[in-house]
Amino acid sequence: MEIDVIKEKISNALVSILGHNNFEMHDELTAKDVDGWDSLSHMMIITKIEEELNIRFKLRDLNKLKNMGSLVSVIQSKI
């Protein structure tokens, strides 16, 4: 799957859960950069991404997440 498609699906999950698109998708984007992205919404976003991409993250995958670039890399390794 193309990186652009993965980023679009991630963006859609963020908008769906957070209810806004007041952020710019880039590899260095972190939760602290996005209004409303807290620990609870983080788990909802991860669940939404799993559903949209038909994948399942393991705990070790989630521990690797530092920013949007690392999320995309983990997703690519699962597809």
C-alpha atoms as a PDB file:
ATOM      1  CA  MET A   1       0.000   0.000   0.000  1.00  0.00           C
ATOM      2  CA  GLU A   2       1.286   3.453  -0.917  1.00  0.00           C
ATOM      3  CA  ILE A   3       2.491   5.765   1.861  1.00  0.00           C
ATOM      4  CA  ASP A   4       0.058   8.461   0.699  1.00  0.00           C
ATOM      5  CA  VAL A   5      -2.876   6.061   1.083  1.00  0.00           C
ATOM      6  CA  ILE A   6      -1.707   5.056   4.567  1.00  0.00           C
ATOM      7  CA  LYS A   7      -1.358   8.713   5.606  1.00  0.00           C
ATOM      8  CA  GLU A   8      -4.805   9.502   4.214  1.00  0.00           C
ATOM      9  CA  LYS A   9      -6.352   6.668   6.245  1.00  0.00           C
ATOM     10  CA  ILE A  10      -4.522   7.845   9.377  1.00  0.00           C
ATOM     11  CA  SER A  11      -5.697  11.397   8.754  1.00  0.00           C
ATOM     12  CA  ASN A  12      -9.280  10.185   8.308  1.00  0.00           C
ATOM     13  CA  ALA A  13      -9.050   8.313  11.631  1.00  0.00           C
ATOM     14  CA  LEU A  14      -7.762  11.425  13.379  1.00  0.00           C
ATOM     15  CA  VAL A  15     -10.536  13.593  11.964  1.00  0.00           C
ATOM     16  CA  SER A  16     -13.150  10.962  12.797  1.00  0.00           C
ATOM     17  CA  ILE A  17     -12.070  10.626  16.440  1.00  0.00           C
ATOM     18  CA  LEU A  18     -10.995  14.204  17.179  1.00  0.00           C
ATOM     19  CA  GLY A  19     -13.734  15.932  15.192  1.00  0.00           C
ATOM     20  CA  HIS A  20     -11.408  18.437  13.511  1.00  0.00           C
ATOM     21  CA  ASN A  21      -8.646  18.658  10.939  1.00  0.00           C
ATOM     22  CA  ASN A  22      -6.609  21.446  12.541  1.00  0.00           C
ATOM     23  CA  PHE A  23      -3.297  19.689  11.935  1.00  0.00           C
ATOM     24  CA  GLU A  24      -0.864  19.143   9.097  1.00  0.00           C
ATOM     25  CA  MET A  25       0.202  15.583   8.384  1.00  0.00           C
ATOM     26  CA  HIS A  26       3.992  15.208   8.417  1.00  0.00           C
ATOM     27  CA  ASP A  27       6.420  12.582   9.691  1.00  0.00           C
ATOM     28  CA  GLU A  28       7.353  14.563  12.826  1.00  0.00           C
ATOM     29  CA  LEU A  29       3.715  15.078  13.926  1.00  0.00           C
ATOM     30  CA  THR A  30       3.079  13.913  17.509  1.00  0.00           C
ATOM     31  CA  ALA A  31       0.012  13.781  19.739  1.00  0.00           C
ATOM     32  CA  LYS A  32       1.095  16.913  21.611  1.00  0.00           C
ATOM     33  CA  ASP A  33       0.920  18.838  18.310  1.00  0.00           C
ATOM     34  CA  VAL A  34      -2.806  18.101  17.841  1.00  0.00           C
ATOM     35  CA  ASP A  35      -5.582  19.591  19.983  1.00  0.00           C
ATOM     36  CA  GLY A  36      -7.621  16.932  21.763  1.00  0.00           C
ATOM     37  CA  TRP A  37      -5.203  14.049  21.136  1.00  0.00           C
ATOM     38  CA  ASP A  38      -4.853  12.646  24.637  1.00  0.00           C
ATOM     39  CA  SER A  39      -4.331   9.118  25.972  1.00  0.00           C
ATOM     40  CA  LEU A  40      -7.978   8.102  25.581  1.00  0.00           C
ATOM     41  CA  SER A  41      -8.338   9.476  22.059  1.00  0.00           C
ATOM     42  CA  HIS A  42      -4.972   7.869  21.219  1.00  0.00           C
ATOM     43  CA  MET A  43      -6.356   4.404  21.904  1.00  0.00           C
ATOM     44  CA  MET A  44      -9.503   5.238  19.924  1.00  0.00           C
ATOM     45  CA  ILE A  45      -7.354   6.412  17.001  1.00  0.00           C
ATOM     46  CA  ILE A  46      -5.238   3.239  17.107  1.00  0.00           C
ATOM     47  CA  THR A  47      -8.405   1.104  17.151  1.00  0.00           C
ATOM     48  CA  LYS A  48      -9.862   3.053  14.215  1.00  0.00           C
ATOM     49  CA  ILE A  49      -6.634   2.597  12.226  1.00  0.00           C
ATOM     50  CA  GLU A  50      -6.670  -1.142  12.954  1.00  0.00           C
ATOM     51  CA  GLU A  51     -10.259  -1.365  11.688  1.00  0.00           C
ATOM     52  CA  GLU A  52      -9.638   0.752   8.585  1.00  0.00           C
ATOM     53  CA  LEU A  53      -6.501  -1.126   7.538  1.00  0.00           C
ATOM     54  CA  ASN A  54      -7.546  -4.556   8.809  1.00  0.00           C
ATOM     55  CA  ILE A  55      -4.411  -4.934  10.937  1.00  0.00           C
ATOM     56  CA  ARG A  56      -3.697  -5.555  14.618  1.00  0.00           C
ATOM     57  CA  PHE A  57      -0.966  -3.802  16.565  1.00  0.00           C
ATOM     58  CA  LYS A  58       0.984  -5.667  19.207  1.00  0.00           C
ATOM     59  CA  LEU A  59       2.254  -3.963  22.337  1.00  0.00           C
ATOM     60  CA  ARG A  60       5.790  -3.908  20.951  1.00  0.00           C
ATOM     61  CA  ASP A  61       4.463  -2.107  17.841  1.00  0.00           C
ATOM     62  CA  LEU A  62       2.812   0.549  19.991  1.00  0.00           C
ATOM     63  CA  ASN A  63       6.011   1.011  21.994  1.00  0.00           C
ATOM     64  CA  LYS A  64       7.824   1.914  18.760  1.00  0.00           C
ATOM     65  CA  LEU A  65       5.508   4.854  18.054  1.00  0.00           C
ATOM     66  CA  LYS A  66       7.319   8.158  18.452  1.00  0.00           C
ATOM     67  CA  ASN A  67       5.656  10.228  15.725  1.00  0.00           C
ATOM     68  CA  MET A  68       3.619   9.932  12.540  1.00  0.00           C
ATOM     69  CA  GLY A  69       6.603   8.652  10.566  1.00  0.00           C
ATOM     70  CA  SER A  70       7.096   5.738  12.956  1.00  0.00           C
ATOM     71  CA  LEU A  71       3.355   4.953  12.823  1.00  0.00           C
ATOM     72  CA  VAL A  72       3.501   4.779   9.023  1.00  0.00           C
ATOM     73  CA  SER A  73       6.559   2.500   9.210  1.00  0.00           C
ATOM     74  CA  VAL A  74       4.879   0.124  11.642  1.00  0.00           C
ATOM     75  CA  ILE A  75       1.763   0.015   9.447  1.00  0.00           C
ATOM     76  CA  GLN A  76       3.873  -0.727   6.360  1.00  0.00           C
ATOM     77  CA  SER A  77       5.504  -3.637   8.166  1.00  0.00           C
ATOM     78  CA  LYS A  78       2.062  -5.104   8.899  1.00  0.00           C
ATOM     79  CA  ILE A  79       0.597  -4.803   5.400  1.00  0.00           C
END
